[in-house]
């Protein structure tokens, strides 16, 4: 009778150990996924900020080109054609 009781206690302890191990493993995985998720969101936010800065720089360059009197050649050609035909 004692042998059967020991096996029962042993398997109950083994099941409890396995349950604790699996729960611990799941907590570790959840923590790692949470960390990775936060890192990904941070990187996406940084990329968004860089894209915004790039757009501002492009707009500044466009404005600077316009203020320097440098217009695209297509616009100059269209403006000069009517003047040439009336002359």
C-alpha atoms as a PDB file:
ATOM      1  CA  UNK A   1       0.000   0.000   0.000  1.00  0.00           C
ATOM      2  CA  UNK A   2       2.801   2.445   0.791  1.00  0.00           C
ATOM      3  CA  UNK A   3       4.331   1.988  -2.690  1.00  0.00           C
ATOM      4  CA  UNK A   4       1.075   2.959  -4.390  1.00  0.00           C
ATOM      5  CA  UNK A   5       0.767   6.053  -2.196  1.00  0.00           C
ATOM      6  CA  UNK A   6       4.327   7.112  -3.025  1.00  0.00           C
ATOM      7  CA  UNK A   7       3.686   6.727  -6.760  1.00  0.00           C
ATOM      8  CA  UNK A   8       0.521   8.788  -6.435  1.00  0.00           C
ATOM      9  CA  UNK A   9       2.334  11.505  -4.492  1.00  0.00           C
ATOM     10  CA  UNK A  10       5.251  11.394  -6.922  1.00  0.00           C
ATOM     11  CA  UNK A  11       3.066  11.799  -9.984  1.00  0.00           C
ATOM     12  CA  UNK A  12       1.117  14.598  -8.318  1.00  0.00           C
ATOM     13  CA  UNK A  13       4.389  16.362  -7.515  1.00  0.00           C
ATOM     14  CA  UNK A  14       5.633  15.728 -11.058  1.00  0.00           C
ATOM     15  CA  UNK A  15       2.431  17.203 -12.496  1.00  0.00           C
ATOM     16  CA  UNK A  16       2.714  20.249 -10.225  1.00  0.00           C
ATOM     17  CA  UNK A  17       6.356  20.713 -11.225  1.00  0.00           C
ATOM     18  CA  UNK A  18       5.498  20.438 -14.906  1.00  0.00           C
ATOM     19  CA  UNK A  19       2.637  22.910 -14.518  1.00  0.00           C
ATOM     20  CA  UNK A  20       4.893  25.397 -12.731  1.00  0.00           C
ATOM     21  CA  UNK A  21       7.576  24.948 -15.393  1.00  0.00           C
ATOM     22  CA  UNK A  22       5.119  25.540 -18.250  1.00  0.00           C
ATOM     23  CA  UNK A  23       3.599  28.571 -16.513  1.00  0.00           C
ATOM     24  CA  UNK A  24       7.064  30.032 -15.942  1.00  0.00           C
ATOM     25  CA  UNK A  25       7.977  29.404 -19.578  1.00  0.00           C
ATOM     26  CA  UNK A  26       4.784  31.117 -20.772  1.00  0.00           C
ATOM     27  CA  UNK A  27       5.485  34.140 -18.567  1.00  0.00           C
ATOM     28  CA  UNK A  28       9.018  34.378 -19.981  1.00  0.00           C
ATOM     29  CA  UNK A  29       7.694  34.150 -23.538  1.00  0.00           C
ATOM     30  CA  UNK A  30       5.050  36.793 -22.848  1.00  0.00           C
ATOM     31  CA  UNK A  31       7.710  39.115 -21.401  1.00  0.00           C
ATOM     32  CA  UNK A  32       9.975  38.626 -24.411  1.00  0.00           C
ATOM     33  CA  UNK A  33       7.140  39.226 -26.877  1.00  0.00           C
ATOM     34  CA  UNK A  34       6.097  42.340 -24.971  1.00  0.00           C
ATOM     35  CA  UNK A  35       9.663  43.661 -25.095  1.00  0.00           C
ATOM     36  CA  UNK A  36       9.962  42.922 -28.818  1.00  0.00           C
ATOM     37  CA  UNK A  37       6.598  44.558 -29.471  1.00  0.00           C
ATOM     38  CA  UNK A  38       7.638  47.707 -27.622  1.00  0.00           C
ATOM     39  CA  UNK A  39      10.931  47.808 -29.522  1.00  0.00           C
ATOM     40  CA  UNK A  40       9.136  47.464 -32.853  1.00  0.00           C
ATOM     41  CA  UNK A  41       6.686  50.246 -31.972  1.00  0.00           C
ATOM     42  CA  UNK A  42       9.595  52.477 -30.917  1.00  0.00           C
ATOM     43  CA  UNK A  43      11.399  51.835 -34.215  1.00  0.00           C
ATOM     44  CA  UNK A  44       8.230  52.568 -36.207  1.00  0.00           C
ATOM     45  CA  UNK A  45       7.769  55.837 -34.310  1.00  0.00           C
ATOM     46  CA  UNK A  46      11.403  56.768 -35.010  1.00  0.00           C
ATOM     47  CA  UNK A  47      10.946  55.996 -38.706  1.00  0.00           C
ATOM     48  CA  UNK A  48       7.812  58.140 -38.786  1.00  0.00           C
ATOM     49  CA  UNK A  49       9.697  61.041 -37.227  1.00  0.00           C
ATOM     50  CA  UNK A  50      12.517  60.649 -39.761  1.00  0.00           C
ATOM     51  CA  UNK A  51      10.019  60.614 -42.625  1.00  0.00           C
ATOM     52  CA  UNK A  52       8.420  63.788 -41.265  1.00  0.00           C
ATOM     53  CA  UNK A  53      11.851  65.444 -41.092  1.00  0.00           C
ATOM     54  CA  UNK A  54      12.605  64.334 -44.643  1.00  0.00           C
ATOM     55  CA  UNK A  55       9.315  65.785 -45.891  1.00  0.00           C
ATOM     56  CA  UNK A  56      10.105  69.084 -44.190  1.00  0.00           C
ATOM     57  CA  UNK A  57      13.559  69.142 -45.743  1.00  0.00           C
ATOM     58  CA  UNK A  58      12.125  68.439 -49.186  1.00  0.00           C
ATOM     59  CA  UNK A  59       9.533  71.181 -48.772  1.00  0.00           C
ATOM     60  CA  UNK A  60      12.252  73.589 -47.596  1.00  0.00           C
ATOM     61  CA  UNK A  61      14.350  72.749 -50.651  1.00  0.00           C
ATOM     62  CA  UNK A  62      11.347  73.261 -52.932  1.00  0.00           C
ATOM     63  CA  UNK A  63      10.624  76.626 -51.343  1.00  0.00           C
ATOM     64  CA  UNK A  64      14.281  77.599 -51.561  1.00  0.00           C
ATOM     65  CA  UNK A  65      14.402  76.705 -55.252  1.00  0.00           C
ATOM     66  CA  UNK A  66      11.266  78.740 -55.881  1.00  0.00           C
ATOM     67  CA  UNK A  67      12.585  81.789 -54.052  1.00  0.00           C
ATOM     68  CA  UNK A  68      15.865  81.708 -55.985  1.00  0.00           C
ATOM     69  CA  UNK A  69      13.939  82.363 -59.189  1.00  0.00           C
ATOM     70  CA  UNK A  70      14.745  78.909 -60.452  1.00  0.00           C
ATOM     71  CA  UNK A  71      11.567  77.593 -61.976  1.00  0.00           C
ATOM     72  CA  UNK A  72      11.341  74.338 -63.873  1.00  0.00           C
ATOM     73  CA  UNK A  73      12.194  74.702 -67.589  1.00  0.00           C
ATOM     74  CA  UNK A  74       8.764  73.478 -68.620  1.00  0.00           C
ATOM     75  CA  UNK A  75       7.142  76.510 -67.017  1.00  0.00           C
ATOM     76  CA  UNK A  76       9.669  78.871 -68.648  1.00  0.00           C
ATOM     77  CA  UNK A  77       9.034  77.369 -72.079  1.00  0.00           C
ATOM     78  CA  UNK A  78       5.278  77.802 -71.730  1.00  0.00           C
ATOM     79  CA  UNK A  79       5.689  81.419 -70.620  1.00  0.00           C
ATOM     80  CA  UNK A  80       8.033  82.265 -73.496  1.00  0.00           C
ATOM     81  CA  UNK A  81       5.919  80.687 -76.262  1.00  0.00           C
ATOM     82  CA  UNK A  82       3.051  83.226 -76.166  1.00  0.00           C
ATOM     83  CA  UNK A  83       5.558  86.084 -76.069  1.00  0.00           C
ATOM     84  CA  UNK A  84       7.380  84.676 -79.111  1.00  0.00           C
ATOM     85  CA  UNK A  85       4.207  84.173 -81.148  1.00  0.00           C
ATOM     86  CA  UNK A  86       2.924  87.712 -80.513  1.00  0.00           C
ATOM     87  CA  UNK A  87       6.215  89.310 -81.506  1.00  0.00           C
END
